[in-house]
Amino acid sequence: MLAIFGNLVTGVPMTLILTFGALLIGVVLGVPICMARQSRHGVLSRLAAALIVAIRSVPPLVWLFLVYFGLGSGILRMSPLVAALSGLGLITAVNMAEIYRGSLAAIHSGQWEASQALGLPRWSRLVEIIGPQVARISLPAVATYAIGLLKDSAVASIIGVPELAFRGTYLSQQTFKGLEIFMAVGLLYIAMSLPVAWASRVVDARIRLRVAK
């Protein structure tokens, strides 16, 4: 069993790169998508809403195929890792946009009115007053999504990214010990998920403590 773990662990760094790389892309790109969705311009808001629905309605595996075998085969040459990061990052971005939108809706209207009464420009209100509150409210949902993304990163094995699931599949085909190998794969996914959940609780507790002060 130790030998199995030793071979599987080589796929863990790639799994973490996929997870946190896609999460970073999504956290950043989710902001302009959310702002477009909340825009007062009807056309822009509807376009953002259509984008969110379209991307969320298609399974991640299909998006990876579209990016890697579609764009990557002729229009833009890209490695399996870049294709996986692009596909998962895009999916994460629209989900982050919806998380941000829900967090904005949870902020009391008095916060907007008070910041407006101070005479602050709209951008300053968003960055200095509303933004930190959105971050605090959305943190549990983002952490939950990150754990889900860690598991969803396994789809990247289909296009040849040598992450944990890819290593598990390869070893099971070589050794015919599928049960033992995928039990070990499951344990490794659990081991990676627990620190994310713990870190989110710690950060959330610290943010709440600062707000209380």
C-alpha atoms as a PDB file:
ATOM      1  CA  MET A   1       0.000   0.000   0.000  1.00  0.00           C
ATOM      2  CA  LEU A   2       2.874   2.370   0.770  1.00  0.00           C
ATOM      3  CA  ALA A   3       4.263   1.771  -2.710  1.00  0.00           C
ATOM      4  CA  ILE A   4       0.871   2.667  -4.192  1.00  0.00           C
ATOM      5  CA  PHE A   5       0.734   5.904  -2.202  1.00  0.00           C
ATOM      6  CA  GLY A   6       4.287   6.707  -3.274  1.00  0.00           C
ATOM      7  CA  ASN A   7       3.374   6.404  -6.947  1.00  0.00           C
ATOM      8  CA  LEU A   8       0.101   8.299  -6.597  1.00  0.00           C
ATOM      9  CA  VAL A   9       1.616  11.220  -4.693  1.00  0.00           C
ATOM     10  CA  THR A  10       3.457  12.249  -7.853  1.00  0.00           C
ATOM     11  CA  GLY A  11       0.084  13.378  -9.230  1.00  0.00           C
ATOM     12  CA  VAL A  12      -0.818  15.514  -6.216  1.00  0.00           C
ATOM     13  CA  PRO A  13       1.188  18.633  -7.216  1.00  0.00           C
ATOM     14  CA  MET A  14      -0.541  18.760 -10.608  1.00  0.00           C
ATOM     15  CA  THR A  15      -3.946  18.375  -8.939  1.00  0.00           C
ATOM     16  CA  LEU A  16      -3.159  21.311  -6.648  1.00  0.00           C
ATOM     17  CA  ILE A  17      -1.893  23.400  -9.574  1.00  0.00           C
ATOM     18  CA  LEU A  18      -5.120  22.724 -11.467  1.00  0.00           C
ATOM     19  CA  THR A  19      -7.321  23.454  -8.460  1.00  0.00           C
ATOM     20  CA  PHE A  20      -5.750  26.654  -7.226  1.00  0.00           C
ATOM     21  CA  GLY A  21      -4.820  27.883 -10.705  1.00  0.00           C
ATOM     22  CA  ALA A  22      -8.425  27.574 -11.881  1.00  0.00           C
ATOM     23  CA  LEU A  23      -9.663  29.075  -8.604  1.00  0.00           C
ATOM     24  CA  LEU A  24      -7.375  32.092  -8.986  1.00  0.00           C
ATOM     25  CA  ILE A  25      -8.542  32.631 -12.567  1.00  0.00           C
ATOM     26  CA  GLY A  26     -12.147  32.340 -11.463  1.00  0.00           C
ATOM     27  CA  VAL A  27     -11.822  34.645  -8.463  1.00  0.00           C
ATOM     28  CA  VAL A  28     -10.336  37.377 -10.674  1.00  0.00           C
ATOM     29  CA  LEU A  29     -12.521  36.961 -13.778  1.00  0.00           C
ATOM     30  CA  GLY A  30     -15.632  36.525 -11.660  1.00  0.00           C
ATOM     31  CA  VAL A  31     -15.473  40.195 -10.612  1.00  0.00           C
ATOM     32  CA  PRO A  32     -15.997  41.780 -14.070  1.00  0.00           C
ATOM     33  CA  ILE A  33     -18.589  39.134 -14.952  1.00  0.00           C
ATOM     34  CA  CYS A  34     -20.487  39.928 -11.751  1.00  0.00           C
ATOM     35  CA  MET A  35     -20.232  43.660 -12.412  1.00  0.00           C
ATOM     36  CA  ALA A  36     -21.563  43.130 -15.938  1.00  0.00           C
ATOM     37  CA  ARG A  37     -24.407  41.007 -14.558  1.00  0.00           C
ATOM     38  CA  GLN A  38     -25.264  43.779 -12.073  1.00  0.00           C
ATOM     39  CA  SER A  39     -24.922  46.521 -14.675  1.00  0.00           C
ATOM     40  CA  ARG A  40     -27.747  48.966 -15.227  1.00  0.00           C
ATOM     41  CA  HIS A  41     -27.260  48.580 -18.965  1.00  0.00           C
ATOM     42  CA  GLY A  42     -29.801  45.971 -19.980  1.00  0.00           C
ATOM     43  CA  VAL A  43     -27.862  44.558 -22.926  1.00  0.00           C
ATOM     44  CA  LEU A  44     -24.671  44.061 -20.917  1.00  0.00           C
ATOM     45  CA  SER A  45     -26.552  42.485 -18.028  1.00  0.00           C
ATOM     46  CA  ARG A  46     -28.419  40.091 -20.324  1.00  0.00           C
ATOM     47  CA  LEU A  47     -25.233  39.108 -22.132  1.00  0.00           C
ATOM     48  CA  ALA A  48     -23.529  38.328 -18.821  1.00  0.00           C
ATOM     49  CA  ALA A  49     -26.566  36.337 -17.671  1.00  0.00           C
ATOM     50  CA  ALA A  50     -26.577  34.369 -20.944  1.00  0.00           C
ATOM     51  CA  LEU A  51     -22.856  33.652 -20.566  1.00  0.00           C
ATOM     52  CA  ILE A  52     -23.336  32.372 -17.021  1.00  0.00           C
ATOM     53  CA  VAL A  53     -26.239  30.123 -17.979  1.00  0.00           C
ATOM     54  CA  ALA A  54     -24.468  28.774 -21.074  1.00  0.00           C
ATOM     55  CA  ILE A  55     -21.262  27.870 -19.260  1.00  0.00           C
ATOM     56  CA  ARG A  56     -22.992  26.400 -16.201  1.00  0.00           C
ATOM     57  CA  SER A  57     -25.327  24.306 -18.347  1.00  0.00           C
ATOM     58  CA  VAL A  58     -22.529  22.383 -20.064  1.00  0.00           C
ATOM     59  CA  PRO A  59     -20.597  19.679 -18.130  1.00  0.00           C
ATOM     60  CA  PRO A  60     -16.925  20.504 -17.333  1.00  0.00           C
ATOM     61  CA  LEU A  61     -15.757  17.522 -19.370  1.00  0.00           C
ATOM     62  CA  VAL A  62     -17.435  18.890 -22.492  1.00  0.00           C
ATOM     63  CA  TRP A  63     -15.827  22.307 -21.972  1.00  0.00           C
ATOM     64  CA  LEU A  64     -12.406  20.702 -21.663  1.00  0.00           C
ATOM     65  CA  PHE A  65     -13.000  18.823 -24.912  1.00  0.00           C
ATOM     66  CA  LEU A  66     -14.149  22.029 -26.628  1.00  0.00           C
ATOM     67  CA  VAL A  67     -11.094  23.943 -25.440  1.00  0.00           C
ATOM     68  CA  TYR A  68      -8.484  21.244 -26.019  1.00  0.00           C
ATOM     69  CA  PHE A  69      -9.784  19.490 -29.138  1.00  0.00           C
ATOM     70  CA  GLY A  70     -11.557  22.537 -30.537  1.00  0.00           C
ATOM     71  CA  LEU A  71      -9.468  25.637 -29.909  1.00  0.00           C
ATOM     72  CA  GLY A  72      -6.315  23.718 -29.070  1.00  0.00           C
ATOM     73  CA  SER A  73      -6.284  21.589 -32.199  1.00  0.00           C
ATOM     74  CA  GLY A  74      -6.083  24.380 -34.719  1.00  0.00           C
ATOM     75  CA  ILE A  75      -6.908  27.896 -33.590  1.00  0.00           C
ATOM     76  CA  LEU A  76      -4.697  28.132 -30.500  1.00  0.00           C
ATOM     77  CA  ARG A  77      -2.077  25.517 -29.792  1.00  0.00           C
ATOM     78  CA  MET A  78      -2.058  24.683 -26.106  1.00  0.00           C
ATOM     79  CA  SER A  79      -0.842  21.965 -23.780  1.00  0.00           C
ATOM     80  CA  PRO A  80      -3.298  19.768 -21.858  1.00  0.00           C
ATOM     81  CA  LEU A  81      -2.494  21.697 -18.672  1.00  0.00           C
ATOM     82  CA  VAL A  82      -3.216  25.086 -20.258  1.00  0.00           C
ATOM     83  CA  ALA A  83      -6.428  23.761 -21.789  1.00  0.00           C
ATOM     84  CA  ALA A  84      -7.557  22.331 -18.441  1.00  0.00           C
ATOM     85  CA  LEU A  85      -6.757  25.569 -16.601  1.00  0.00           C
ATOM     86  CA  SER A  86      -8.595  27.597 -19.247  1.00  0.00           C
ATOM     87  CA  GLY A  87     -11.690  25.409 -19.189  1.00  0.00           C
ATOM     88  CA  LEU A  88     -11.902  24.994 -15.426  1.00  0.00           C
ATOM     89  CA  GLY A  89     -10.983  28.651 -14.896  1.00  0.00           C
ATOM     90  CA  LEU A  90     -13.828  29.802 -17.137  1.00  0.00           C
ATOM     91  CA  ILE A  91     -16.313  27.560 -15.349  1.00  0.00           C
ATOM     92  CA  THR A  92     -15.051  28.798 -11.992  1.00  0.00           C
ATOM     93  CA  ALA A  93     -15.340  32.434 -13.108  1.00  0.00           C
ATOM     94  CA  VAL A  94     -19.073  32.243 -13.801  1.00  0.00           C
ATOM     95  CA  ASN A  95     -19.679  30.394 -10.554  1.00  0.00           C
ATOM     96  CA  MET A  96     -17.679  32.998  -8.633  1.00  0.00           C
ATOM     97  CA  ALA A  97     -19.725  35.713 -10.338  1.00  0.00           C
ATOM     98  CA  GLU A  98     -22.908  34.129  -8.992  1.00  0.00           C
ATOM     99  CA  ILE A  99     -21.380  33.776  -5.515  1.00  0.00           C
ATOM    100  CA  TYR A 100     -20.383  37.461  -5.579  1.00  0.00           C
ATOM    101  CA  ARG A 101     -23.860  38.424  -6.789  1.00  0.00           C
ATOM    102  CA  GLY A 102     -25.481  36.540  -3.921  1.00  0.00           C
ATOM    103  CA  SER A 103     -23.104  38.172  -1.451  1.00  0.00           C
ATOM    104  CA  LEU A 104     -23.924  41.624  -2.820  1.00  0.00           C
ATOM    105  CA  ALA A 105     -27.629  40.905  -2.386  1.00  0.00           C
ATOM    106  CA  ALA A 106     -26.978  39.979   1.275  1.00  0.00           C
ATOM    107  CA  ILE A 107     -25.505  43.403   2.059  1.00  0.00           C
ATOM    108  CA  HIS A 108     -28.049  45.756   3.600  1.00  0.00           C
ATOM    109  CA  SER A 109     -29.042  48.668   1.378  1.00  0.00           C
ATOM    110  CA  GLY A 110     -28.105  51.009   4.221  1.00  0.00           C
ATOM    111  CA  GLN A 111     -24.438  50.241   3.576  1.00  0.00           C
ATOM    112  CA  TRP A 112     -24.745  51.595   0.039  1.00  0.00           C
ATOM    113  CA  GLU A 113     -26.710  54.614   1.206  1.00  0.00           C
ATOM    114  CA  ALA A 114     -24.217  55.418   3.973  1.00  0.00           C
ATOM    115  CA  SER A 115     -21.229  55.161   1.635  1.00  0.00           C
ATOM    116  CA  GLN A 116     -23.021  57.327  -0.903  1.00  0.00           C
ATOM    117  CA  ALA A 117     -23.800  59.893   1.799  1.00  0.00           C
ATOM    118  CA  LEU A 118     -20.080  60.154   2.500  1.00  0.00           C
ATOM    119  CA  GLY A 119     -19.606  61.378  -1.052  1.00  0.00           C
ATOM    120  CA  LEU A 120     -17.321  58.527  -2.071  1.00  0.00           C
ATOM    121  CA  PRO A 121     -17.021  57.689  -5.767  1.00  0.00           C
ATOM    122  CA  ARG A 122     -18.747  54.456  -6.836  1.00  0.00           C
ATOM    123  CA  TRP A 123     -15.413  52.651  -7.336  1.00  0.00           C
ATOM    124  CA  SER A 124     -14.212  53.654  -3.853  1.00  0.00           C
ATOM    125  CA  ARG A 125     -17.483  52.481  -2.338  1.00  0.00           C
ATOM    126  CA  LEU A 126     -17.075  49.099  -3.995  1.00  0.00           C
ATOM    127  CA  VAL A 127     -13.412  48.620  -3.068  1.00  0.00           C
ATOM    128  CA  GLU A 128     -13.267  50.109   0.419  1.00  0.00           C
ATOM    129  CA  ILE A 129     -16.702  49.446   1.914  1.00  0.00           C
ATOM    130  CA  ILE A 130     -18.694  46.881  -0.067  1.00  0.00           C
ATOM    131  CA  GLY A 131     -15.782  44.747  -1.270  1.00  0.00           C
ATOM    132  CA  PRO A 132     -14.548  43.588   2.164  1.00  0.00           C
ATOM    133  CA  GLN A 133     -18.096  42.682   3.174  1.00  0.00           C
ATOM    134  CA  VAL A 134     -18.601  40.696  -0.020  1.00  0.00           C
ATOM    135  CA  ALA A 135     -15.336  38.849   0.658  1.00  0.00           C
ATOM    136  CA  ARG A 136     -16.445  37.920   4.175  1.00  0.00           C
ATOM    137  CA  ILE A 137     -19.914  36.786   3.128  1.00  0.00           C
ATOM    138  CA  SER A 138     -18.720  34.821   0.103  1.00  0.00           C
ATOM    139  CA  LEU A 139     -15.797  33.077   1.843  1.00  0.00           C
ATOM    140  CA  PRO A 140     -17.730  29.954   3.005  1.00  0.00           C
ATOM    141  CA  ALA A 141     -19.241  29.478  -0.460  1.00  0.00           C
ATOM    142  CA  VAL A 142     -15.857  29.983  -2.139  1.00  0.00           C
ATOM    143  CA  ALA A 143     -14.230  27.450   0.197  1.00  0.00           C
ATOM    144  CA  THR A 144     -16.983  24.929  -0.524  1.00  0.00           C
ATOM    145  CA  TYR A 145     -16.572  25.512  -4.245  1.00  0.00           C
ATOM    146  CA  ALA A 146     -12.784  25.099  -3.939  1.00  0.00           C
ATOM    147  CA  ILE A 147     -13.263  21.652  -2.411  1.00  0.00           C
ATOM    148  CA  GLY A 148     -15.648  20.747  -5.223  1.00  0.00           C
ATOM    149  CA  LEU A 149     -13.158  22.081  -7.766  1.00  0.00           C
ATOM    150  CA  LEU A 150     -10.450  19.900  -6.229  1.00  0.00           C
ATOM    151  CA  LYS A 151     -12.592  16.867  -7.025  1.00  0.00           C
ATOM    152  CA  ASP A 152     -13.691  18.167 -10.437  1.00  0.00           C
ATOM    153  CA  SER A 153     -10.052  18.609 -11.457  1.00  0.00           C
ATOM    154  CA  ALA A 154     -10.041  14.854 -12.046  1.00  0.00           C
ATOM    155  CA  VAL A 155     -11.755  15.450 -15.415  1.00  0.00           C
ATOM    156  CA  ALA A 156      -8.462  16.881 -16.672  1.00  0.00           C
ATOM    157  CA  SER A 157      -7.108  13.336 -16.742  1.00  0.00           C
ATOM    158  CA  ILE A 158      -9.283  12.699 -19.810  1.00  0.00           C
ATOM    159  CA  ILE A 159      -7.173  15.082 -21.914  1.00  0.00           C
ATOM    160  CA  GLY A 160      -3.897  13.752 -20.540  1.00  0.00           C
ATOM    161  CA  VAL A 161      -3.043  16.011 -17.595  1.00  0.00           C
ATOM    162  CA  PRO A 162      -0.946  13.820 -15.250  1.00  0.00           C
ATOM    163  CA  GLU A 163      -2.829  14.646 -12.068  1.00  0.00           C
ATOM    164  CA  LEU A 164      -3.966  12.299  -9.300  1.00  0.00           C
ATOM    165  CA  ALA A 165      -6.828  10.579 -11.132  1.00  0.00           C
ATOM    166  CA  PHE A 166      -4.638  10.124 -14.201  1.00  0.00           C
ATOM    167  CA  ARG A 167      -1.938   8.477 -12.085  1.00  0.00           C
ATOM    168  CA  GLY A 168      -4.546   6.254 -10.435  1.00  0.00           C
ATOM    169  CA  THR A 169      -5.949   5.118 -13.770  1.00  0.00           C
ATOM    170  CA  TYR A 170      -2.473   4.445 -15.166  1.00  0.00           C
ATOM    171  CA  LEU A 171      -1.391   2.418 -12.120  1.00  0.00           C
ATOM    172  CA  SER A 172      -4.613   0.386 -12.058  1.00  0.00           C
ATOM    173  CA  GLN A 173      -4.089  -0.546 -15.695  1.00  0.00           C
ATOM    174  CA  GLN A 174      -0.513  -1.570 -15.008  1.00  0.00           C
ATOM    175  CA  THR A 175      -1.067  -3.500 -11.780  1.00  0.00           C
ATOM    176  CA  PHE A 176      -4.740  -4.629 -12.001  1.00  0.00           C
ATOM    177  CA  LYS A 177      -5.179  -3.475  -8.382  1.00  0.00           C
ATOM    178  CA  GLY A 178      -7.997  -1.046  -9.061  1.00  0.00           C
ATOM    179  CA  LEU A 179      -9.717  -1.321  -5.683  1.00  0.00           C
ATOM    180  CA  GLU A 180      -6.595  -0.624  -3.614  1.00  0.00           C
ATOM    181  CA  ILE A 181      -5.405   2.115  -5.930  1.00  0.00           C
ATOM    182  CA  PHE A 182      -8.651   4.072  -6.082  1.00  0.00           C
ATOM    183  CA  MET A 183      -9.164   3.699  -2.334  1.00  0.00           C
ATOM    184  CA  ALA A 184      -5.775   5.377  -1.987  1.00  0.00           C
ATOM    185  CA  VAL A 185      -6.812   8.032  -4.525  1.00  0.00           C
ATOM    186  CA  GLY A 186      -9.931   8.756  -2.471  1.00  0.00           C
ATOM    187  CA  LEU A 187      -7.913   9.071   0.733  1.00  0.00           C
ATOM    188  CA  LEU A 188      -5.535  11.520  -0.939  1.00  0.00           C
ATOM    189  CA  TYR A 189      -8.445  13.672  -2.131  1.00  0.00           C
ATOM    190  CA  ILE A 190      -9.795  13.717   1.438  1.00  0.00           C
ATOM    191  CA  ALA A 191      -6.338  14.621   2.760  1.00  0.00           C
ATOM    192  CA  MET A 192      -6.164  17.574   0.364  1.00  0.00           C
ATOM    193  CA  SER A 193      -9.723  18.747   1.092  1.00  0.00           C
ATOM    194  CA  LEU A 194      -9.390  18.895   4.881  1.00  0.00           C
ATOM    195  CA  PRO A 195      -6.741  21.682   4.971  1.00  0.00           C
ATOM    196  CA  VAL A 196      -8.875  23.813   2.633  1.00  0.00           C
ATOM    197  CA  ALA A 197     -11.894  23.466   4.932  1.00  0.00           C
ATOM    198  CA  TRP A 198      -9.769  24.187   8.006  1.00  0.00           C
ATOM    199  CA  ALA A 199      -8.120  27.243   6.436  1.00  0.00           C
ATOM    200  CA  SER A 200     -11.495  28.691   5.409  1.00  0.00           C
ATOM    201  CA  ARG A 201     -12.779  28.392   8.988  1.00  0.00           C
ATOM    202  CA  VAL A 202      -9.669  30.075  10.376  1.00  0.00           C
ATOM    203  CA  VAL A 203      -9.837  32.961   7.892  1.00  0.00           C
ATOM    204  CA  ASP A 204     -13.584  33.376   8.429  1.00  0.00           C
ATOM    205  CA  ALA A 205     -13.099  33.488  12.212  1.00  0.00           C
ATOM    206  CA  ARG A 206     -10.400  36.153  11.885  1.00  0.00           C
ATOM    207  CA  ILE A 207     -12.505  38.275   9.533  1.00  0.00           C
ATOM    208  CA  ARG A 208     -15.483  38.058  11.890  1.00  0.00           C
ATOM    209  CA  LEU A 209     -13.248  39.078  14.791  1.00  0.00           C
ATOM    210  CA  ARG A 210     -12.045  42.157  12.923  1.00  0.00           C
ATOM    211  CA  VAL A 211     -15.591  43.090  11.990  1.00  0.00           C
ATOM    212  CA  ALA A 212     -16.672  42.699  15.630  1.00  0.00           C
ATOM    213  CA  LYS A 213     -13.973  45.130  16.703  1.00  0.00           C
END
